């Protein structure tokens, strides 16, 4: 990429930031988690969120079923 943007412009600042991140990423051989580790961590978190959501749903549904709704006044027949 031979385009030059002054660092004082938004395009130049973005290009400078991207170049610095690329240089830093290329300088270290292995830094952080691999893609497979991210997939496993995400799957565990999704399963945990689903389990918590299911527990909350069942608790709310159980309490909602306990609510007693009285009959309409006069028996409901016109």
PDB file of N, CA and C in Angstrom:
ATOM      1  N   UNK A   1       0.848  -1.160   0.000  1.00  0.00           N
ATOM      2  CA  UNK A   1       0.000   0.000   0.000  1.00  0.00           C
ATOM      3  C   UNK A   1       0.896   1.225   0.000  1.00  0.00           C
ATOM      4  N   UNK A   2       0.840   1.992  -1.061  1.00  0.00           N
ATOM      5  CA  UNK A   2       1.710   3.154  -1.195  1.00  0.00           C
ATOM      6  C   UNK A   2       1.001   4.459  -0.906  1.00  0.00           C
ATOM      7  N   UNK A   3      -0.231   4.412  -0.498  1.00  0.00           N
ATOM      8  CA  UNK A   3      -0.967   5.642  -0.224  1.00  0.00           C
ATOM      9  C   UNK A   3      -0.414   6.282   1.039  1.00  0.00           C
ATOM     10  N   UNK A   4      -0.278   7.591   0.985  1.00  0.00           N
ATOM     11  CA  UNK A   4       0.193   8.315   2.156  1.00  0.00           C
ATOM     12  C   UNK A   4      -0.920   9.225   2.652  1.00  0.00           C
ATOM     13  N   UNK A   5      -1.203   9.095   3.928  1.00  0.00           N
ATOM     14  CA  UNK A   5      -2.163   9.979   4.579  1.00  0.00           C
ATOM     15  C   UNK A   5      -1.449  10.612   5.762  1.00  0.00           C
ATOM     16  N   UNK A   6      -1.660  11.869   5.959  1.00  0.00           N
ATOM     17  CA  UNK A   6      -1.077  12.546   7.104  1.00  0.00           C
ATOM     18  C   UNK A   6      -1.682  11.975   8.388  1.00  0.00           C
ATOM     19  N   UNK A   7      -0.870  11.720   9.413  1.00  0.00           N
ATOM     20  CA  UNK A   7      -1.403  11.189  10.672  1.00  0.00           C
ATOM     21  C   UNK A   7      -2.419  12.113  11.341  1.00  0.00           C
ATOM     22  N   UNK A   8      -2.487  13.369  10.897  1.00  0.00           N
ATOM     23  CA  UNK A   8      -3.453  14.290  11.491  1.00  0.00           C
ATOM     24  C   UNK A   8      -4.855  14.118  10.901  1.00  0.00           C
ATOM     25  N   UNK A   9      -4.975  13.326   9.830  1.00  0.00           N
ATOM     26  CA  UNK A   9      -6.296  13.059   9.244  1.00  0.00           C
ATOM     27  C   UNK A   9      -6.836  11.758   9.826  1.00  0.00           C
ATOM     28  N   UNK A  10      -8.156  11.569   9.807  1.00  0.00           N
ATOM     29  CA  UNK A  10      -8.714  10.303  10.308  1.00  0.00           C
ATOM     30  C   UNK A  10      -8.193   9.081   9.551  1.00  0.00           C
ATOM     31  N   UNK A  11      -8.026   9.221   8.230  1.00  0.00           N
ATOM     32  CA  UNK A  11      -7.515   8.095   7.442  1.00  0.00           C
ATOM     33  C   UNK A  11      -6.077   7.770   7.822  1.00  0.00           C
ATOM     34  N   UNK A  12      -5.277   8.806   8.033  1.00  0.00           N
ATOM     35  CA  UNK A  12      -3.883   8.599   8.413  1.00  0.00           C
ATOM     36  C   UNK A  12      -3.752   7.982   9.791  1.00  0.00           C
ATOM     37  N   UNK A  13      -4.591   8.427  10.712  1.00  0.00           N
ATOM     38  CA  UNK A  13      -4.554   7.859  12.063  1.00  0.00           C
ATOM     39  C   UNK A  13      -4.956   6.388  12.039  1.00  0.00           C
ATOM     40  N   UNK A  14      -5.993   6.054  11.261  1.00  0.00           N
ATOM     41  CA  UNK A  14      -6.424   4.665  11.141  1.00  0.00           C
ATOM     42  C   UNK A  14      -5.323   3.810  10.515  1.00  0.00           C
ATOM     43  N   UNK A  15      -4.690   4.310   9.475  1.00  0.00           N
ATOM     44  CA  UNK A  15      -3.619   3.567   8.822  1.00  0.00           C
ATOM     45  C   UNK A  15      -2.444   3.369   9.777  1.00  0.00           C
ATOM     46  N   UNK A  16      -2.102   4.394  10.537  1.00  0.00           N
ATOM     47  CA  UNK A  16      -1.017   4.291  11.511  1.00  0.00           C
ATOM     48  C   UNK A  16      -1.349   3.257  12.587  1.00  0.00           C
ATOM     49  N   UNK A  17      -2.591   3.267  13.072  1.00  0.00           N
ATOM     50  CA  UNK A  17      -3.021   2.306  14.086  1.00  0.00           C
ATOM     51  C   UNK A  17      -2.973   0.879  13.540  1.00  0.00           C
ATOM     52  N   UNK A  18      -3.463   0.684  12.321  1.00  0.00           N
ATOM     53  CA  UNK A  18      -3.451  -0.653  11.726  1.00  0.00           C
ATOM     54  C   UNK A  18      -2.037  -1.162  11.506  1.00  0.00           C
ATOM     55  N   UNK A  19      -1.140  -0.271  11.054  1.00  0.00           N
ATOM     56  CA  UNK A  19       0.252  -0.684  10.847  1.00  0.00           C
ATOM     57  C   UNK A  19       0.918  -1.069  12.164  1.00  0.00           C
ATOM     58  N   UNK A  20       0.645  -0.312  13.220  1.00  0.00           N
ATOM     59  CA  UNK A  20       1.268  -0.637  14.505  1.00  0.00           C
ATOM     60  C   UNK A  20       0.744  -1.965  15.050  1.00  0.00           C
ATOM     61  N   UNK A  21      -0.551  -2.216  14.884  1.00  0.00           N
ATOM     62  CA  UNK A  21      -1.098  -3.504  15.338  1.00  0.00           C
ATOM     63  C   UNK A  21      -0.548  -4.665  14.517  1.00  0.00           C
ATOM     64  N   UNK A  22      -0.412  -4.467  13.216  1.00  0.00           N
ATOM     65  CA  UNK A  22       0.137  -5.516  12.361  1.00  0.00           C
ATOM     66  C   UNK A  22       1.583  -5.810  12.733  1.00  0.00           C
ATOM     67  N   UNK A  23       2.371  -4.773  12.960  1.00  0.00           N
ATOM     68  CA  UNK A  23       3.771  -4.970  13.361  1.00  0.00           C
ATOM     69  C   UNK A  23       3.865  -5.696  14.697  1.00  0.00           C
ATOM     70  N   UNK A  24       3.009  -5.340  15.651  1.00  0.00           N
ATOM     71  CA  UNK A  24       3.030  -5.984  16.959  1.00  0.00           C
ATOM     72  C   UNK A  24       2.606  -7.451  16.844  1.00  0.00           C
ATOM     73  N   UNK A  25       1.611  -7.742  15.990  1.00  0.00           N
ATOM     74  CA  UNK A  25       1.150  -9.120  15.826  1.00  0.00           C
ATOM     75  C   UNK A  25       2.216  -9.984  15.155  1.00  0.00           C
ATOM     76  N   UNK A  26       2.952  -9.409  14.226  1.00  0.00           N
ATOM     77  CA  UNK A  26       3.990 -10.168  13.537  1.00  0.00           C
ATOM     78  C   UNK A  26       5.228 -10.353  14.401  1.00  0.00           C
ATOM     79  N   UNK A  27       5.432  -9.502  15.386  1.00  0.00           N
ATOM     80  CA  UNK A  27       6.624  -9.574  16.221  1.00  0.00           C
ATOM     81  C   UNK A  27       6.566 -10.740  17.209  1.00  0.00           C
ATOM     82  N   UNK A  28       5.368 -11.098  17.657  1.00  0.00           N
ATOM     83  CA  UNK A  28       5.243 -12.197  18.618  1.00  0.00           C
ATOM     84  C   UNK A  28       4.726 -13.427  17.895  1.00  0.00           C
ATOM     85  N   UNK A  29       5.321 -14.571  18.200  1.00  0.00           N
ATOM     86  CA  UNK A  29       4.953 -15.788  17.487  1.00  0.00           C
ATOM     87  C   UNK A  29       3.603 -16.330  17.948  1.00  0.00           C
ATOM     88  N   UNK A  30       3.429 -16.504  19.239  1.00  0.00           N
ATOM     89  CA  UNK A  30       2.153 -17.017  19.754  1.00  0.00           C
ATOM     90  C   UNK A  30       1.746 -16.186  20.947  1.00  0.00           C
ATOM     91  N   UNK A  31       0.681 -15.428  20.759  1.00  0.00           N
ATOM     92  CA  UNK A  31       0.210 -14.583  21.832  1.00  0.00           C
ATOM     93  C   UNK A  31      -1.288 -14.763  21.956  1.00  0.00           C
ATOM     94  N   UNK A  32      -1.780 -15.084  23.144  1.00  0.00           N
ATOM     95  CA  UNK A  32      -3.203 -15.228  23.360  1.00  0.00           C
ATOM     96  C   UNK A  32      -3.696 -16.622  23.003  1.00  0.00           C
ATOM     97  N   UNK A  33      -5.008 -16.756  22.994  1.00  0.00           N
ATOM     98  CA  UNK A  33      -5.629 -18.048  22.739  1.00  0.00           C
ATOM     99  C   UNK A  33      -5.792 -18.281  21.236  1.00  0.00           C
ATOM    100  N   UNK A  34      -5.768 -19.550  20.861  1.00  0.00           N
ATOM    101  CA  UNK A  34      -5.978 -19.884  19.457  1.00  0.00           C
ATOM    102  C   UNK A  34      -7.473 -19.861  19.153  1.00  0.00           C
ATOM    103  N   UNK A  35      -7.808 -19.993  17.888  1.00  0.00           N
ATOM    104  CA  UNK A  35      -9.209 -19.949  17.481  1.00  0.00           C
ATOM    105  C   UNK A  35      -9.997 -21.096  18.104  1.00  0.00           C
ATOM    106  N   UNK A  36      -9.385 -22.254  18.207  1.00  0.00           N
ATOM    107  CA  UNK A  36     -10.076 -23.406  18.783  1.00  0.00           C
ATOM    108  C   UNK A  36     -10.385 -23.174  20.258  1.00  0.00           C
ATOM    109  N   UNK A  37      -9.472 -22.555  20.968  1.00  0.00           N
ATOM    110  CA  UNK A  37      -9.733 -22.251  22.380  1.00  0.00           C
ATOM    111  C   UNK A  37     -10.879 -21.262  22.523  1.00  0.00           C
ATOM    112  N   UNK A  38     -10.949 -20.276  21.613  1.00  0.00           N
ATOM    113  CA  UNK A  38     -12.054 -19.322  21.638  1.00  0.00           C
ATOM    114  C   UNK A  38     -13.381 -20.021  21.369  1.00  0.00           C
ATOM    115  N   UNK A  39     -13.388 -20.988  20.466  1.00  0.00           N
ATOM    116  CA  UNK A  39     -14.618 -21.729  20.163  1.00  0.00           C
ATOM    117  C   UNK A  39     -15.065 -22.521  21.383  1.00  0.00           C
ATOM    118  N   UNK A  40     -14.140 -23.170  22.057  1.00  0.00           N
ATOM    119  CA  UNK A  40     -14.483 -23.964  23.241  1.00  0.00           C
ATOM    120  C   UNK A  40     -14.994 -23.062  24.368  1.00  0.00           C
ATOM    121  N   UNK A  41     -14.312 -21.952  24.602  1.00  0.00           N
ATOM    122  CA  UNK A  41     -14.748 -21.021  25.643  1.00  0.00           C
ATOM    123  C   UNK A  41     -16.130 -20.476  25.328  1.00  0.00           C
ATOM    124  N   UNK A  42     -16.367 -20.120  24.077  1.00  0.00           N
ATOM    125  CA  UNK A  42     -17.675 -19.599  23.671  1.00  0.00           C
ATOM    126  C   UNK A  42     -18.756 -20.645  23.845  1.00  0.00           C
ATOM    127  N   UNK A  43     -18.477 -21.893  23.478  1.00  0.00           N
ATOM    128  CA  UNK A  43     -19.469 -22.960  23.619  1.00  0.00           C
ATOM    129  C   UNK A  43     -19.829 -23.187  25.085  1.00  0.00           C
ATOM    130  N   UNK A  44     -18.842 -23.151  25.959  1.00  0.00           N
ATOM    131  CA  UNK A  44     -19.112 -23.327  27.388  1.00  0.00           C
ATOM    132  C   UNK A  44     -19.961 -22.179  27.913  1.00  0.00           C
ATOM    133  N   UNK A  45     -19.643 -20.956  27.508  1.00  0.00           N
ATOM    134  CA  UNK A  45     -20.419 -19.802  27.965  1.00  0.00           C
ATOM    135  C   UNK A  45     -21.846 -19.822  27.430  1.00  0.00           C
ATOM    136  N   UNK A  46     -22.032 -20.253  26.187  1.00  0.00           N
ATOM    137  CA  UNK A  46     -23.383 -20.349  25.620  1.00  0.00           C
ATOM    138  C   UNK A  46     -24.188 -21.414  26.356  1.00  0.00           C
ATOM    139  N   UNK A  47     -23.571 -22.542  26.644  1.00  0.00           N
ATOM    140  CA  UNK A  47     -24.265 -23.603  27.380  1.00  0.00           C
ATOM    141  C   UNK A  47     -24.639 -23.134  28.786  1.00  0.00           C
ATOM    142  N   UNK A  48     -23.748 -22.414  29.431  1.00  0.00           N
ATOM    143  CA  UNK A  48     -24.026 -21.883  30.763  1.00  0.00           C
ATOM    144  C   UNK A  48     -25.173 -20.875  30.723  1.00  0.00           C
ATOM    145  N   UNK A  49     -25.167 -19.996  29.744  1.00  0.00           N
ATOM    146  CA  UNK A  49     -26.243 -19.014  29.610  1.00  0.00           C
ATOM    147  C   UNK A  49     -27.574 -19.694  29.326  1.00  0.00           C
ATOM    148  N   UNK A  50     -27.564 -20.734  28.496  1.00  0.00           N
ATOM    149  CA  UNK A  50     -28.799 -21.469  28.198  1.00  0.00           C
ATOM    150  C   UNK A  50     -29.328 -22.160  29.447  1.00  0.00           C
ATOM    151  N   UNK A  51     -28.442 -22.736  30.245  1.00  0.00           N
ATOM    152  CA  UNK A  51     -28.871 -23.411  31.471  1.00  0.00           C
ATOM    153  C   UNK A  51     -29.471 -22.421  32.463  1.00  0.00           C
ATOM    154  N   UNK A  52     -28.839 -21.286  32.633  1.00  0.00           N
ATOM    155  CA  UNK A  52     -29.372 -20.258  33.538  1.00  0.00           C
ATOM    156  C   UNK A  52     -30.705 -19.748  33.019  1.00  0.00           C
ATOM    157  N   UNK A  53     -30.812 -19.525  31.720  1.00  0.00           N
ATOM    158  CA  UNK A  53     -32.073 -19.075  31.128  1.00  0.00           C
ATOM    159  C   UNK A  53     -33.185 -20.083  31.330  1.00  0.00           C
ATOM    160  N   UNK A  54     -32.888 -21.359  31.181  1.00  0.00           N
ATOM    161  CA  UNK A  54     -33.888 -22.409  31.372  1.00  0.00           C
ATOM    162  C   UNK A  54     -34.339 -22.476  32.834  1.00  0.00           C
ATOM    163  N   UNK A  55     -33.414 -22.331  33.751  1.00  0.00           N
ATOM    164  CA  UNK A  55     -33.765 -22.347  35.174  1.00  0.00           C
ATOM    165  C   UNK A  55     -34.685 -21.166  35.505  1.00  0.00           C
ATOM    166  N   UNK A  56     -34.332 -19.993  35.019  1.00  0.00           N
ATOM    167  CA  UNK A  56     -35.157 -18.815  35.288  1.00  0.00           C
ATOM    168  C   UNK A  56     -36.540 -18.971  34.647  1.00  0.00           C
ATOM    169  N   UNK A  57     -36.590 -19.478  33.421  1.00  0.00           N
ATOM    170  CA  UNK A  57     -37.866 -19.682  32.739  1.00  0.00           C
ATOM    171  C   UNK A  57     -38.765 -20.636  33.525  1.00  0.00           C
ATOM    172  N   UNK A  58     -38.196 -21.748  33.996  1.00  0.00           N
ATOM    173  CA  UNK A  58     -38.989 -22.720  34.760  1.00  0.00           C
ATOM    174  C   UNK A  58     -39.472 -22.138  36.085  1.00  0.00           C
ATOM    175  N   UNK A  59     -38.638 -21.333  36.735  1.00  0.00           N
ATOM    176  CA  UNK A  59     -39.070 -20.713  37.990  1.00  0.00           C
ATOM    177  C   UNK A  59     -40.221 -19.736  37.754  1.00  0.00           C
ATOM    178  N   UNK A  60     -40.115 -18.923  36.721  1.00  0.00           N
ATOM    179  CA  UNK A  60     -41.176 -17.955  36.422  1.00  0.00           C
ATOM    180  C   UNK A  60     -42.451 -18.670  36.004  1.00  0.00           C
ATOM    181  N   UNK A  61     -42.334 -19.705  35.187  1.00  0.00           N
ATOM    182  CA  UNK A  61     -43.513 -20.452  34.751  1.00  0.00           C
ATOM    183  C   UNK A  61     -44.202 -21.133  35.939  1.00  0.00           C
ATOM    184  N   UNK A  62     -43.421 -21.674  36.861  1.00  0.00           N
ATOM    185  CA  UNK A  62     -43.991 -22.316  38.050  1.00  0.00           C
ATOM    186  C   UNK A  62     -44.753 -21.321  38.912  1.00  0.00           C
ATOM    187  N   UNK A  63     -44.180 -20.155  39.112  1.00  0.00           N
ATOM    188  CA  UNK A  63     -44.859 -19.128  39.905  1.00  0.00           C
ATOM    189  C   UNK A  63     -46.096 -18.607  39.171  1.00  0.00           C
ATOM    190  N   UNK A  64     -46.035 -18.491  37.862  1.00  0.00           N
ATOM    191  CA  UNK A  64     -47.186 -18.008  37.099  1.00  0.00           C
ATOM    192  C   UNK A  64     -48.338 -18.999  37.164  1.00  0.00           C
ATOM    193  N   UNK A  65     -48.028 -20.286  37.196  1.00  0.00           N
ATOM    194  CA  UNK A  65     -49.088 -21.298  37.281  1.00  0.00           C
ATOM    195  C   UNK A  65     -49.747 -21.332  38.654  1.00  0.00           C
ATOM    196  N   UNK A  66     -49.065 -20.826  39.695  1.00  0.00           N
ATOM    197  CA  UNK A  66     -49.630 -20.796  41.035  1.00  0.00           C
ATOM    198  C   UNK A  66     -50.615 -19.642  41.230  1.00  0.00           C
ATOM    199  N   UNK A  67     -50.647 -18.704  40.335  1.00  0.00           N
ATOM    200  CA  UNK A  67     -51.537 -17.546  40.481  1.00  0.00           C
ATOM    201  C   UNK A  67     -52.981 -17.995  40.302  1.00  0.00           C
ATOM    202  N   UNK A  68     -53.801 -17.663  41.283  1.00  0.00           N
ATOM    203  CA  UNK A  68     -55.223 -18.007  41.235  1.00  0.00           C
ATOM    204  C   UNK A  68     -55.985 -16.836  40.617  1.00  0.00           C
ATOM    205  N   UNK A  69     -56.689 -17.103  39.537  1.00  0.00           N
ATOM    206  CA  UNK A  69     -57.485 -16.084  38.871  1.00  0.00           C
ATOM    207  C   UNK A  69     -58.941 -16.310  39.263  1.00  0.00           C
ATOM    208  N   UNK A  70     -59.570 -15.346  39.941  1.00  0.00           N
ATOM    209  CA  UNK A  70     -60.956 -15.536  40.361  1.00  0.00           C
ATOM    210  C   UNK A  70     -61.908 -15.513  39.176  1.00  0.00           C
ATOM    211  N   UNK A  71     -63.051 -16.175  39.361  1.00  0.00           N
ATOM    212  CA  UNK A  71     -64.081 -16.156  38.317  1.00  0.00           C
ATOM    213  C   UNK A  71     -64.621 -14.739  38.154  1.00  0.00           C
ATOM    214  N   UNK A  72     -65.222 -14.503  37.013  1.00  0.00           N
ATOM    215  CA  UNK A  72     -65.824 -13.196  36.790  1.00  0.00           C
ATOM    216  C   UNK A  72     -67.072 -13.054  37.677  1.00  0.00           C
ATOM    217  N   UNK A  73     -67.392 -11.856  38.110  1.00  0.00           N
ATOM    218  CA  UNK A  73     -68.579 -11.675  38.953  1.00  0.00           C
ATOM    219  C   UNK A  73     -69.844 -12.111  38.222  1.00  0.00           C
ATOM    220  N   UNK A  74     -70.734 -12.755  38.918  1.00  0.00           N
ATOM    221  CA  UNK A  74     -72.008 -13.205  38.334  1.00  0.00           C
ATOM    222  C   UNK A  74     -71.897 -14.519  37.603  1.00  0.00           C
ATOM    223  N   UNK A  75     -70.774 -15.221  37.726  1.00  0.00           N
ATOM    224  CA  UNK A  75     -70.659 -16.539  37.110  1.00  0.00           C
ATOM    225  C   UNK A  75     -70.237 -16.511  35.656  1.00  0.00           C
ATOM    226  N   UNK A  76     -70.164 -15.374  35.034  1.00  0.00           N
ATOM    227  CA  UNK A  76     -69.700 -15.266  33.666  1.00  0.00           C
ATOM    228  C   UNK A  76     -70.766 -15.573  32.621  1.00  0.00           C
ATOM    229  N   UNK A  77     -71.986 -15.975  33.017  1.00  0.00           N
ATOM    230  CA  UNK A  77     -73.042 -16.226  32.039  1.00  0.00           C
ATOM    231  C   UNK A  77     -73.947 -14.994  31.954  1.00  0.00           C
ATOM    232  N   UNK A  78     -74.243 -14.491  30.760  1.00  0.00           N
ATOM    233  CA  UNK A  78     -75.098 -13.305  30.655  1.00  0.00           C
ATOM    234  C   UNK A  78     -76.537 -13.589  30.947  1.00  0.00           C
TER     235      UNK A  78
END
